[in-house]
Protein backbone atom coordinates (compact mmCIF):
# COMPACT_ATOMS: atom_id res chain seq x y z
CA MET A 1 -90.26 15.29 -30.51
CA ASN A 2 -92.71 17.28 -32.62
CA PRO A 3 -92.07 17.61 -36.38
CA ARG A 4 -91.22 21.34 -36.12
CA ALA A 5 -88.54 20.70 -33.50
CA ARG A 6 -87.13 17.79 -35.52
CA THR A 7 -86.92 19.92 -38.66
CA ASP A 8 -85.33 22.79 -36.74
CA GLY A 9 -82.81 20.41 -35.22
CA LEU A 10 -81.80 19.03 -38.60
CA LEU A 11 -81.45 22.51 -40.09
CA LEU A 12 -79.39 23.77 -37.15
CA ALA A 13 -77.12 20.72 -37.27
CA GLY A 14 -76.69 20.99 -41.03
CA PHE A 15 -75.87 24.69 -41.02
CA CYS A 16 -73.53 24.45 -38.03
CA ILE A 17 -71.65 21.57 -39.66
CA PHE A 18 -71.33 23.51 -42.91
CA LEU A 19 -70.61 26.96 -41.46
CA PHE A 20 -68.31 25.94 -38.59
CA PHE A 21 -66.80 22.51 -39.25
CA TYR A 22 -66.53 22.33 -43.02
CA GLY A 23 -63.03 23.21 -44.12
CA LEU A 24 -61.43 23.39 -40.65
CA GLY A 25 -58.27 21.83 -42.04
CA GLN A 26 -58.43 23.15 -45.61
CA PHE A 27 -55.85 25.83 -44.82
CA GLY A 28 -53.14 25.96 -42.20
CA LEU A 29 -53.08 28.00 -39.02
CA LEU A 30 -52.98 31.73 -39.79
CA GLY A 31 -51.36 34.68 -38.08
CA ALA A 32 -49.20 34.50 -34.98
CA ASP A 33 -51.92 33.69 -32.45
CA GLU A 34 -53.44 30.53 -33.94
CA PRO A 35 -50.24 28.44 -34.04
CA ARG A 36 -49.13 29.87 -30.71
CA TYR A 37 -52.32 28.85 -28.88
CA ALA A 38 -52.32 25.47 -30.64
CA GLN A 39 -48.74 24.82 -29.57
CA VAL A 40 -49.39 25.82 -25.97
CA ALA A 41 -52.18 23.23 -25.78
CA ARG A 42 -49.90 20.59 -27.32
CA GLU A 43 -47.16 21.26 -24.76
CA MET A 44 -49.66 21.01 -21.91
CA LEU A 45 -50.84 17.68 -23.34
CA GLU A 46 -47.31 16.34 -23.70
CA ARG A 47 -46.49 17.31 -20.10
CA ALA A 48 -49.89 16.09 -18.82
CA ASP A 49 -50.16 19.47 -17.11
CA TRP A 50 -53.65 21.01 -16.90
CA ILE A 51 -52.55 24.04 -14.87
CA THR A 52 -49.60 25.94 -16.40
CA PRO A 53 -49.69 26.92 -20.08
CA THR A 54 -46.21 26.86 -21.63
CA LEU A 55 -44.67 27.82 -24.97
CA GLY A 56 -41.22 26.56 -25.84
CA GLY A 57 -41.06 25.03 -22.35
CA LYS A 58 -41.54 28.41 -20.62
CA ALA A 59 -44.65 29.55 -18.76
CA TRP A 60 -47.02 31.39 -21.09
CA LEU A 61 -49.45 33.26 -18.88
CA GLU A 62 -51.13 35.64 -21.32
CA LYS A 63 -54.51 33.89 -21.37
CA PRO A 64 -56.55 31.67 -19.05
CA VAL A 65 -57.00 28.00 -19.67
CA LEU A 66 -60.44 27.17 -21.10
CA TYR A 67 -59.36 27.06 -24.77
CA TYR A 68 -56.28 25.00 -23.87
CA TRP A 69 -58.37 22.46 -21.98
CA GLN A 70 -60.73 22.12 -24.93
CA ALA A 71 -57.85 21.76 -27.40
CA ILE A 72 -56.15 19.15 -25.20
CA LEU A 73 -59.33 17.06 -25.27
CA ALA A 74 -59.56 17.45 -29.04
CA TYR A 75 -55.92 16.37 -29.43
CA ARG A 76 -56.45 13.33 -27.22
CA VAL A 77 -59.45 12.20 -29.27
CA PHE A 78 -58.32 13.12 -32.80
CA GLY A 79 -54.56 13.60 -32.53
CA VAL A 80 -52.62 16.85 -32.82
CA SER A 81 -53.47 18.76 -36.00
CA ASP A 82 -54.47 22.23 -37.09
CA TRP A 83 -58.12 21.23 -37.59
CA ALA A 84 -58.23 19.69 -34.10
CA ALA A 85 -56.82 22.95 -32.72
CA ARG A 86 -59.77 24.76 -34.31
CA LEU A 87 -62.36 22.25 -33.16
CA PRO A 88 -63.06 23.97 -29.78
CA SER A 89 -64.10 27.18 -31.51
CA ALA A 90 -66.41 25.33 -33.90
CA LEU A 91 -68.01 23.44 -31.00
CA ASP A 92 -68.39 26.60 -28.90
CA ALA A 93 -69.97 28.44 -31.83
CA SER A 94 -72.45 25.58 -32.24
CA LEU A 95 -73.25 25.67 -28.51
CA MET A 96 -73.84 29.42 -28.76
CA VAL A 97 -76.22 28.98 -31.69
CA LEU A 98 -78.11 26.28 -29.80
CA GLY A 99 -78.37 28.62 -26.82
CA VAL A 100 -79.84 31.35 -29.02
CA TYR A 101 -82.38 28.88 -30.42
CA LEU A 102 -83.49 27.65 -26.98
CA PHE A 103 -83.67 31.21 -25.62
CA LEU A 104 -85.93 32.39 -28.43
CA ARG A 105 -88.06 29.23 -28.32
CA ARG A 106 -88.66 29.83 -24.61
CA LEU A 107 -89.23 33.60 -24.68
CA ARG A 108 -89.99 34.57 -28.30
CA PRO A 109 -91.42 31.41 -29.90
CA GLY A 110 -91.89 31.36 -33.64
CA PHE A 111 -88.61 33.01 -34.60
CA GLN A 112 -86.10 30.78 -32.84
CA LEU A 113 -84.77 29.25 -36.05
CA ASP A 114 -84.39 32.66 -37.67
CA GLY A 115 -82.38 34.04 -34.76
CA ALA A 116 -80.19 30.94 -34.46
CA LEU A 117 -79.33 30.78 -38.17
CA MET A 118 -78.76 34.53 -38.39
CA THR A 119 -76.29 34.25 -35.51
CA ALA A 120 -74.59 31.25 -37.09
CA SER A 121 -74.19 32.97 -40.47
CA ALA A 122 -72.79 36.33 -39.31
CA ALA A 123 -69.37 36.81 -40.92
CA GLY A 124 -67.55 37.37 -37.63
CA VAL A 125 -69.05 34.26 -36.05
CA VAL A 126 -68.17 32.07 -39.06
CA GLY A 127 -64.65 33.47 -39.22
CA PHE A 128 -63.78 33.01 -35.54
CA ALA A 129 -65.43 29.58 -35.47
CA HIS A 130 -62.55 28.60 -37.78
CA ALA A 131 -59.87 30.10 -35.51
CA ALA A 132 -57.75 28.34 -32.90
CA SER A 133 -58.07 31.04 -30.24
CA PRO A 134 -59.91 31.90 -27.00
CA ASP A 135 -62.06 34.52 -28.76
CA MET A 136 -64.92 32.18 -29.67
CA PRO A 137 -64.91 30.40 -26.28
CA LEU A 138 -65.27 33.81 -24.62
CA ALA A 139 -67.98 34.96 -27.04
CA ALA A 140 -69.97 31.74 -26.65
CA MET A 141 -69.83 31.66 -22.85
CA PHE A 142 -70.54 35.38 -22.57
CA THR A 143 -73.51 35.05 -24.94
CA LEU A 144 -74.97 32.13 -22.99
CA ALA A 145 -74.51 34.09 -19.76
CA MET A 146 -76.32 37.15 -21.11
CA LEU A 147 -79.18 35.06 -22.50
CA ALA A 148 -79.51 33.25 -19.18
CA TRP A 149 -79.62 36.53 -17.26
CA TYR A 150 -82.34 38.02 -19.45
CA ALA A 151 -84.34 34.80 -19.24
CA TRP A 152 -84.16 35.05 -15.46
CA TRP A 153 -85.17 38.72 -15.50
CA GLU A 154 -88.23 38.00 -17.63
CA THR A 155 -89.32 34.74 -15.97
CA SER A 156 -87.92 35.02 -12.38
CA GLU A 157 -86.76 31.39 -12.61
CA LYS A 158 -83.65 30.99 -10.45
CA LEU A 159 -82.32 28.19 -12.65
CA TYR A 160 -81.53 30.79 -15.30
CA LEU A 161 -79.72 33.01 -12.80
CA GLY A 162 -77.60 30.06 -11.72
CA ALA A 163 -76.78 29.35 -15.38
CA PHE A 164 -75.79 33.01 -15.78
CA TYR A 165 -73.14 32.65 -13.09
CA VAL A 166 -71.83 29.33 -14.43
CA PHE A 167 -71.42 30.63 -17.98
CA LEU A 168 -69.90 33.87 -16.69
CA ALA A 169 -67.36 31.79 -14.78
CA LEU A 170 -66.53 29.88 -17.96
CA ALA A 171 -66.11 33.21 -19.77
CA THR A 172 -63.65 34.19 -17.03
CA LEU A 173 -61.75 30.97 -17.65
CA ALA A 174 -61.76 31.76 -21.38
CA LYS A 175 -60.23 35.23 -21.29
CA GLY A 176 -60.15 36.63 -17.79
CA PRO A 177 -62.04 39.45 -16.07
CA VAL A 178 -63.29 41.04 -19.30
CA GLY A 179 -66.40 38.82 -19.26
CA PRO A 180 -67.67 39.90 -15.82
CA VAL A 181 -66.68 43.53 -16.51
CA LEU A 182 -68.71 43.70 -19.74
CA ALA A 183 -71.67 41.84 -18.25
CA GLY A 184 -71.65 44.11 -15.20
CA ALA A 185 -71.60 47.23 -17.35
CA VAL A 186 -74.56 46.04 -19.47
CA LEU A 187 -76.64 45.06 -16.44
CA VAL A 188 -75.91 48.27 -14.52
CA LEU A 189 -76.96 50.38 -17.51
CA PHE A 190 -80.07 48.25 -17.97
CA ALA A 191 -81.04 48.67 -14.30
CA THR A 192 -80.27 52.39 -14.41
CA ALA A 193 -82.44 52.92 -17.48
CA ALA A 194 -85.22 50.98 -15.75
CA GLY A 195 -84.86 53.19 -12.68
CA ASN A 196 -84.80 50.03 -10.60
CA ALA A 197 -81.70 49.38 -8.51
CA ARG A 198 -83.35 46.24 -7.17
CA ILE A 199 -82.48 44.52 -10.46
CA MET A 200 -78.81 44.56 -9.51
CA LEU A 201 -79.46 43.65 -5.88
CA THR A 202 -81.44 40.57 -6.86
CA THR A 203 -78.84 39.67 -9.48
CA LEU A 204 -76.22 39.46 -6.73
CA TRP A 205 -77.56 36.10 -5.64
CA ILE A 206 -75.30 34.38 -3.11
CA PRO A 207 -75.77 30.79 -4.40
CA GLY A 208 -75.02 32.05 -7.92
CA MET A 209 -71.87 33.84 -6.78
CA LEU A 210 -70.76 30.66 -5.01
CA LEU A 211 -71.27 28.77 -8.28
CA PHE A 212 -69.15 31.39 -10.06
CA PHE A 213 -66.26 31.02 -7.63
CA LEU A 214 -66.57 27.23 -7.56
CA VAL A 215 -66.14 27.07 -11.36
CA ALA A 216 -63.68 29.92 -11.99
CA LEU A 217 -61.50 30.18 -8.90
CA PRO A 218 -59.73 26.77 -8.58
CA TRP A 219 -57.60 27.17 -11.71
CA TYR A 220 -56.64 30.77 -10.87
CA VAL A 221 -55.55 29.70 -7.39
CA ALA A 222 -53.64 26.68 -8.70
CA VAL A 223 -51.78 28.59 -11.44
CA GLU A 224 -50.83 31.37 -9.00
CA ILE A 225 -49.44 28.82 -6.51
CA ARG A 226 -47.33 27.19 -9.24
CA ASN A 227 -46.37 30.46 -10.92
CA PRO A 228 -46.09 33.35 -8.43
CA GLU A 229 -45.57 35.76 -11.34
CA PHE A 230 -49.01 34.92 -12.77
CA PHE A 231 -50.89 37.80 -11.14
CA ARG A 232 -48.37 40.37 -12.34
CA VAL A 233 -48.07 38.97 -15.87
CA PHE A 234 -51.74 38.21 -16.48
CA VAL A 235 -53.50 41.03 -14.65
CA PHE A 236 -51.05 43.93 -14.93
CA GLU A 237 -49.35 43.19 -18.25
CA HIS A 238 -51.98 41.40 -20.31
CA ASN A 239 -55.12 43.09 -19.02
CA LEU A 240 -54.43 46.52 -17.52
CA ALA A 241 -51.35 47.38 -19.63
CA ARG A 242 -52.95 45.95 -22.77
CA PHE A 243 -56.00 48.15 -22.19
CA GLY A 244 -54.23 51.32 -21.11
CA THR A 245 -51.08 51.33 -23.24
CA ASP A 246 -49.84 50.33 -26.68
CA LEU A 247 -47.40 47.87 -25.14
CA TYR A 248 -48.24 45.17 -27.70
CA HIS A 249 -48.34 47.46 -30.75
CA HIS A 250 -52.01 47.05 -31.65
CA ARG A 251 -52.79 50.76 -31.92
CA GLN A 252 -55.85 51.66 -33.97
CA PRO A 253 -58.06 54.77 -34.23
CA PHE A 254 -60.94 55.24 -31.80
CA TRP A 255 -63.53 54.38 -34.49
CA PHE A 256 -61.77 51.13 -35.43
CA TYR A 257 -64.57 48.88 -34.16
CA VAL A 258 -67.31 50.56 -36.16
CA PRO A 259 -66.26 48.97 -39.47
CA VAL A 260 -65.25 45.79 -37.62
CA VAL A 261 -68.79 45.36 -36.27
CA VAL A 262 -70.37 46.36 -39.60
CA LEU A 263 -68.32 43.71 -41.40
CA GLY A 264 -68.68 41.15 -38.60
CA LEU A 265 -72.49 41.32 -38.80
CA LEU A 266 -72.64 40.83 -42.56
CA PRO A 267 -75.00 40.03 -44.23
CA TRP A 268 -77.44 41.22 -41.51
CA THR A 269 -75.96 44.68 -40.89
CA VAL A 270 -78.75 46.68 -42.54
CA PHE A 271 -81.47 45.14 -40.37
CA VAL A 272 -79.33 45.47 -37.23
CA ALA A 273 -79.19 49.20 -37.94
CA ALA A 274 -82.92 49.27 -38.70
CA GLY A 275 -83.85 47.58 -35.42
CA SER A 276 -81.59 49.88 -33.41
CA ALA A 277 -82.87 53.01 -35.15
CA GLU A 278 -86.50 52.03 -34.61
CA MET A 279 -85.86 51.52 -30.91
CA ALA A 280 -84.17 54.91 -30.63
CA ARG A 281 -87.06 56.63 -32.45
CA ALA A 282 -89.70 54.97 -30.28
CA TRP A 283 -87.94 55.87 -27.06
CA TRP A 284 -87.36 59.46 -28.14
CA ALA A 285 -90.94 59.96 -29.30
CA GLU A 286 -92.80 58.28 -26.43
CA ARG A 287 -90.45 58.65 -23.45
CA THR A 288 -92.20 55.58 -22.00
CA ALA A 289 -90.78 52.97 -19.69
CA LEU A 290 -89.19 50.46 -21.99
CA PHE A 291 -89.40 47.71 -19.43
CA ASP A 292 -93.19 47.58 -19.39
CA SER A 293 -93.39 47.00 -23.13
CA ARG A 294 -92.31 44.58 -25.82
CA ASP A 295 -89.20 46.68 -26.35
CA ALA A 296 -87.31 45.61 -23.21
CA LEU A 297 -85.42 42.84 -25.01
CA THR A 298 -84.53 45.17 -27.87
CA PHE A 299 -83.12 47.71 -25.42
CA PHE A 300 -81.15 45.00 -23.62
CA LEU A 301 -79.70 43.79 -26.93
CA ILE A 302 -78.70 47.31 -27.96
CA LEU A 303 -76.83 47.76 -24.67
CA TRP A 304 -75.19 44.36 -25.17
CA LEU A 305 -74.13 45.39 -28.68
CA ILE A 306 -72.85 48.87 -27.79
CA VAL A 307 -71.10 48.35 -24.45
CA PRO A 308 -68.29 46.03 -25.70
CA VAL A 309 -67.72 48.30 -28.71
CA LEU A 310 -67.42 51.42 -26.55
CA PHE A 311 -65.33 49.63 -23.92
CA PHE A 312 -62.74 48.34 -26.36
CA SER A 313 -62.78 51.60 -28.33
CA LEU A 314 -61.31 53.19 -25.21
CA SER A 315 -58.52 50.61 -25.16
CA ARG A 316 -55.12 51.60 -26.53
CA SER A 317 -54.72 48.06 -27.88
CA LYS A 318 -57.30 46.94 -30.44
CA LEU A 319 -57.78 43.64 -32.28
CA PRO A 320 -60.89 42.59 -34.25
CA GLY A 321 -61.67 39.59 -32.04
CA TYR A 322 -62.16 41.73 -28.94
CA VAL A 323 -65.73 42.71 -29.94
CA LEU A 324 -66.83 39.22 -31.00
CA PRO A 325 -69.01 38.89 -27.83
CA ALA A 326 -71.13 41.80 -29.12
CA LEU A 327 -72.10 40.22 -32.45
CA PRO A 328 -74.81 37.80 -31.23
CA ALA A 329 -76.67 40.79 -29.80
CA GLY A 330 -76.78 42.24 -33.32
CA THR A 331 -78.23 39.13 -34.93
CA LEU A 332 -80.75 38.77 -32.09
CA LEU A 333 -81.79 42.36 -32.81
CA VAL A 334 -82.61 41.26 -36.36
CA ALA A 335 -84.68 38.33 -35.06
CA GLU A 336 -86.55 40.63 -32.69
CA TYR A 337 -87.15 43.17 -35.47
CA LEU A 338 -88.43 40.35 -37.67
CA ARG A 339 -90.75 39.10 -34.93
CA GLN A 340 -92.28 42.53 -34.52
CA HIS A 341 -92.71 43.26 -38.23
CA ALA A 342 -93.01 39.97 -40.12
CA ASP A 343 -96.83 40.11 -40.00
CA ASP A 344 -97.17 43.82 -40.73
CA GLU A 345 -99.46 44.50 -43.66
CA GLU A 346 -97.02 47.11 -44.89
CA ARG A 347 -93.80 45.66 -46.24
CA ALA A 348 -90.42 46.91 -45.12
CA ALA A 349 -89.27 50.15 -46.71
CA SER A 350 -88.05 49.70 -50.27
CA TRP A 351 -84.75 51.42 -49.51
CA MET A 352 -84.10 49.01 -46.63
CA ILE A 353 -84.86 45.96 -48.75
CA GLY A 354 -82.77 47.33 -51.59
CA LEU A 355 -79.80 48.09 -49.34
CA HIS A 356 -79.97 44.66 -47.69
CA ALA A 357 -80.21 42.97 -51.09
CA LEU A 358 -77.22 44.97 -52.31
CA VAL A 359 -75.09 44.01 -49.30
CA ALA A 360 -76.12 40.35 -49.37
CA ALA A 361 -75.49 40.12 -53.13
CA ALA A 362 -72.15 41.92 -53.05
CA VAL A 363 -70.53 39.51 -50.58
CA PRO A 364 -70.59 36.33 -52.74
CA ALA A 365 -69.87 38.29 -55.92
CA LEU A 366 -66.79 39.95 -54.43
CA THR A 367 -65.63 36.66 -52.92
CA ILE A 368 -65.91 34.83 -56.24
CA TRP A 369 -64.20 37.74 -57.98
CA TYR A 370 -61.31 37.91 -55.48
CA PHE A 371 -60.54 34.21 -55.13
CA LEU A 372 -61.65 32.68 -58.42
CA LEU A 373 -61.70 35.28 -61.21
CA ARG A 374 -59.08 37.91 -60.31
CA PRO A 375 -56.05 35.55 -60.24
CA ARG A 376 -56.94 34.01 -63.63
CA LEU A 377 -58.42 36.84 -65.72
CA PRO A 378 -57.71 40.52 -66.43
CA VAL A 379 -59.37 42.88 -63.95
CA THR A 380 -61.93 44.23 -66.42
CA THR A 381 -62.90 40.76 -67.64
CA SER A 382 -63.23 39.37 -64.10
CA LEU A 383 -65.40 42.32 -63.04
CA GLU A 384 -67.61 41.85 -66.09
CA ILE A 385 -68.26 38.28 -64.95
CA ALA A 386 -68.73 39.12 -61.26
CA THR A 387 -71.20 41.94 -61.88
CA PRO A 388 -73.99 39.73 -63.33
CA ILE A 389 -73.55 37.36 -60.36
CA ALA A 390 -74.18 40.25 -57.98
CA LEU A 391 -77.12 41.42 -60.09
CA ILE A 392 -78.78 37.99 -60.05
CA PHE A 393 -78.53 37.76 -56.26
CA PHE A 394 -79.69 41.36 -55.84
CA VAL A 395 -82.78 40.96 -58.00
CA GLY A 396 -83.69 37.61 -56.45
CA ILE A 397 -83.43 38.88 -52.86
CA ALA A 398 -85.18 42.18 -53.56
CA LEU A 399 -88.12 40.60 -55.41
CA THR A 400 -88.56 37.91 -52.77
CA LEU A 401 -88.65 40.40 -49.91
CA HIS A 402 -91.11 42.56 -51.87
CA SER A 403 -93.44 39.57 -52.34
CA LYS A 404 -96.45 38.73 -50.15
CA LEU A 405 -94.29 36.69 -47.78
CA GLY A 406 -92.03 39.70 -47.27
CA LEU A 407 -89.74 39.59 -44.22
CA ARG A 408 -90.67 35.99 -43.43
CA MET A 409 -88.38 35.06 -46.33
CA LEU A 410 -85.49 37.18 -45.02
CA ARG A 411 -83.59 34.29 -43.48
CA PHE A 412 -84.07 31.95 -46.45
CA VAL A 413 -83.05 34.31 -49.26
CA THR A 414 -80.10 35.73 -47.31
CA LEU A 415 -78.64 32.35 -46.40
CA ILE A 416 -78.32 31.37 -50.07
CA PRO A 417 -75.52 33.90 -50.81
CA VAL A 418 -73.95 33.07 -47.43
CA VAL A 419 -73.67 29.40 -48.42
CA VAL A 420 -72.22 30.35 -51.82
CA THR A 421 -69.67 32.63 -50.15
CA ILE A 422 -68.48 30.02 -47.63
CA ALA A 423 -68.24 27.36 -50.34
CA ALA A 424 -66.16 29.70 -52.53
CA VAL A 425 -63.80 30.61 -49.70
CA ILE A 426 -63.26 27.00 -48.60
CA LYS A 427 -63.03 25.33 -52.01
CA VAL A 428 -61.32 28.06 -54.01
CA GLY A 429 -59.79 30.47 -51.53
CA ALA A 430 -58.35 27.96 -49.05
CA PRO A 431 -55.35 26.92 -51.20
CA GLN A 432 -54.49 30.58 -51.74
CA LEU A 433 -54.77 31.34 -48.02
CA ASP A 434 -52.70 28.28 -47.20
CA ALA A 435 -49.91 29.16 -49.61
CA THR A 436 -49.63 32.86 -48.81
CA LEU A 437 -50.54 33.17 -45.12
CA SER A 438 -49.76 29.87 -43.40
CA ALA A 439 -46.46 28.20 -42.49
CA ARG A 440 -47.93 24.73 -43.15
CA PRO A 441 -46.84 24.36 -46.80
CA LEU A 442 -43.37 25.67 -45.94
CA ALA A 443 -43.09 23.16 -43.09
CA ASN A 444 -44.20 20.38 -45.45
CA GLN A 445 -41.62 21.45 -48.02
CA LEU A 446 -38.87 21.38 -45.41
CA ALA A 447 -39.94 17.95 -44.19
CA GLN A 448 -39.86 16.52 -47.73
CA MET A 449 -36.37 17.89 -48.29
CA GLU A 450 -34.83 16.71 -44.97
CA THR A 451 -33.14 13.37 -44.57
CA ARG A 452 -33.32 13.79 -40.77
CA PRO A 453 -34.96 16.37 -38.52
CA LEU A 454 -32.82 19.46 -37.93
CA PRO A 455 -33.22 22.52 -35.71
CA VAL A 456 -34.75 25.53 -37.46
CA ALA A 457 -33.91 29.20 -37.14
CA VAL A 458 -35.36 32.29 -38.78
CA LEU A 459 -33.98 35.65 -39.84
CA GLY A 460 -36.08 38.65 -40.83
CA VAL A 461 -39.36 36.73 -41.12
CA LYS A 462 -42.74 37.56 -39.61
CA ARG A 463 -43.85 36.19 -36.25
CA GLU A 464 -46.56 34.32 -38.14
CA THR A 465 -43.91 32.22 -39.85
CA GLU A 466 -41.92 31.67 -36.67
CA TYR A 467 -44.88 30.47 -34.58
CA GLY A 468 -46.33 28.51 -37.49
CA LEU A 469 -43.11 26.57 -37.94
CA ALA A 470 -42.96 25.97 -34.18
CA PHE A 471 -46.34 24.26 -34.32
CA TYR A 472 -45.98 22.30 -37.55
CA ARG A 473 -42.48 21.08 -36.67
CA ASN A 474 -43.18 20.85 -32.93
CA GLN A 475 -39.87 22.46 -32.01
CA THR A 476 -38.61 25.73 -30.64
CA ILE A 477 -37.59 28.10 -33.43
CA SER A 478 -34.45 30.19 -32.88
CA ARG A 479 -34.31 33.79 -34.11
CA TYR A 480 -31.04 35.20 -35.40
CA GLU A 481 -32.01 38.78 -34.52
CA ALA A 482 -32.32 37.75 -30.86
CA HIS A 483 -28.75 36.33 -30.96
CA GLN A 484 -30.15 32.79 -30.97
CA ILE A 485 -27.86 31.35 -33.65
CA PRO A 486 -27.72 27.58 -33.06
CA PHE A 487 -24.20 26.14 -32.74
CA GLU A 488 -25.26 22.84 -34.33
CA GLU A 489 -26.13 22.50 -38.00
CA HIS A 490 -29.58 23.78 -38.74
CA LEU A 491 -32.04 25.07 -41.31
CA LEU A 492 -32.50 28.81 -41.69
CA ILE A 493 -35.56 30.54 -43.14
CA ALA A 494 -35.04 34.08 -44.43
CA PRO A 495 -36.49 36.47 -47.03
CA GLU A 496 -35.29 36.05 -50.58
CA GLY A 497 -31.93 37.72 -51.22
CA SER A 498 -30.66 37.45 -47.63
CA ARG A 499 -27.50 35.46 -48.42
CA ASP A 500 -25.08 38.32 -47.67
CA ALA A 501 -26.75 39.16 -44.35
CA ILE A 502 -26.59 35.50 -43.34
CA THR A 503 -22.90 35.24 -44.19
CA GLN A 504 -22.12 38.27 -42.04
CA LEU A 505 -23.89 36.70 -39.06
CA VAL A 506 -22.48 33.15 -39.27
CA GLY A 507 -18.95 34.08 -40.38
CA SER A 508 -16.97 31.21 -41.84
CA ARG A 509 -19.66 28.56 -41.36
CA ARG A 510 -20.77 26.91 -44.58
CA VAL A 511 -24.14 28.03 -45.91
CA SER A 512 -25.99 26.24 -48.70
CA HIS A 513 -29.15 27.50 -50.39
CA LEU A 514 -31.63 24.63 -50.45
CA GLY A 515 -34.67 26.15 -52.07
CA THR A 516 -37.27 28.88 -52.25
CA PHE A 517 -40.83 29.06 -51.04
CA ALA A 518 -42.10 31.44 -53.70
CA PRO A 519 -45.64 32.21 -52.42
CA GLN A 520 -44.16 33.94 -49.37
CA ASN A 521 -40.86 35.08 -50.93
CA LEU A 522 -38.77 33.02 -48.53
CA ASP A 523 -35.51 31.12 -49.00
CA TYR A 524 -34.32 28.27 -46.84
CA TYR A 525 -30.69 27.36 -46.19
CA TRP A 526 -28.57 24.72 -44.56
CA VAL A 527 -26.05 26.18 -42.10
CA ALA A 528 -23.13 24.01 -40.99
CA ARG A 529 -22.16 23.31 -37.40
CA GLY A 530 -20.07 26.01 -35.77
CA GLY A 531 -16.31 25.49 -36.03
CA THR A 532 -16.47 23.55 -39.30
């Protein structure tokens, strides 16, 4: 191994460990989806069933199985825990970054480390690498598939086309038909713009399609045989109905994904926009065939970035993670822009450098202000401290990029505030996130108070709390509103001040207030067995 490759390998490993693995267990599972997916994988492990996902003992057919398989393996090696539930996403993010590095080293040598580290440090990638969900598995497999396809198109090596089909099959196992649909849309538009329908005809390679079906089809066939309702539930309810209706109450405005992508690509957003704008200007001015020039990859990346955003903007149901597969295209755009301009005698425009420096400096300053200063100091005092932090980063980044080295220092000076931001979130923000957004500390408080395990019910609490308790206590949680009032004695979690409402629901059964979980304004009670 040559010294450059060894150095690159150490840097990639170090940054992936820090950005993706550091702090995986510092805060508990968040939201409703993380604990739900984690619990599904645990139930599959306990039943030794690799086919049917279940939740609370009932078939849970919303998502395919790739994340669950990965989580099962993590549980078997490290035991069941929240950080093990997040391990698949961290590993998949690392695999994606490695794929970006190898792609650029093969086709655009000299800037492979820049592109890989830019992809690794994008806010959306870092965030979902810490999430127990199928979003990162889909994004990683889709990214590897798209990179493999472009490598085949540029080199004509069939090995890459075969890899495209394998990774596309894994994307289908991660989240269903959305992977092939998005890939097909990007490739059709690419071929159309090239005026070359043969691109699609040669892409439809029979050995590759056989590989796709060999990898993706067995689980779909097996789960349908065991669960005849799978096709209806998964395809019609959780794909078509989720896209075409607001059945799951995730309505957002059409432009919702514009700010999501802008934030997800931080701190590289300014140069993503610059690379896209330059491509648009060149095409409009020259009207030349993009595919006979150095701009073909840039055009491919722009399509890859835009198509998922437009596709999911048309959906009636919108969640931030849906457009995660688009983000690596944005960071690769920055690497390609850097490759084309790093050696220019003229430095990047001052306004572009200034805007990038402002964005990159604001992120750590705001993070430190929000998690460290704001809770402890008056607003004006905390802002007075945070402002010089932002100014120091701004001046340092701007002066460095205006130096003789110019854009070649872009990756280095931008990663410094990224590292500071992640460290602040994990070391300072994690306890706050854990206390206010996770059910883990509440579950721990209940366990310390119990003399023996009891059933748990909830009344008037968020789904996040219900599913979080289900995972951390490994038991089905009853919900009073759904007329699931346990007959046996049990613990009840409800918002503060719910004593009267509880009494009305349980009648003459004894109810004792046991304590309060103040960070989330919840009370917990002991409710006697029915008939006592």
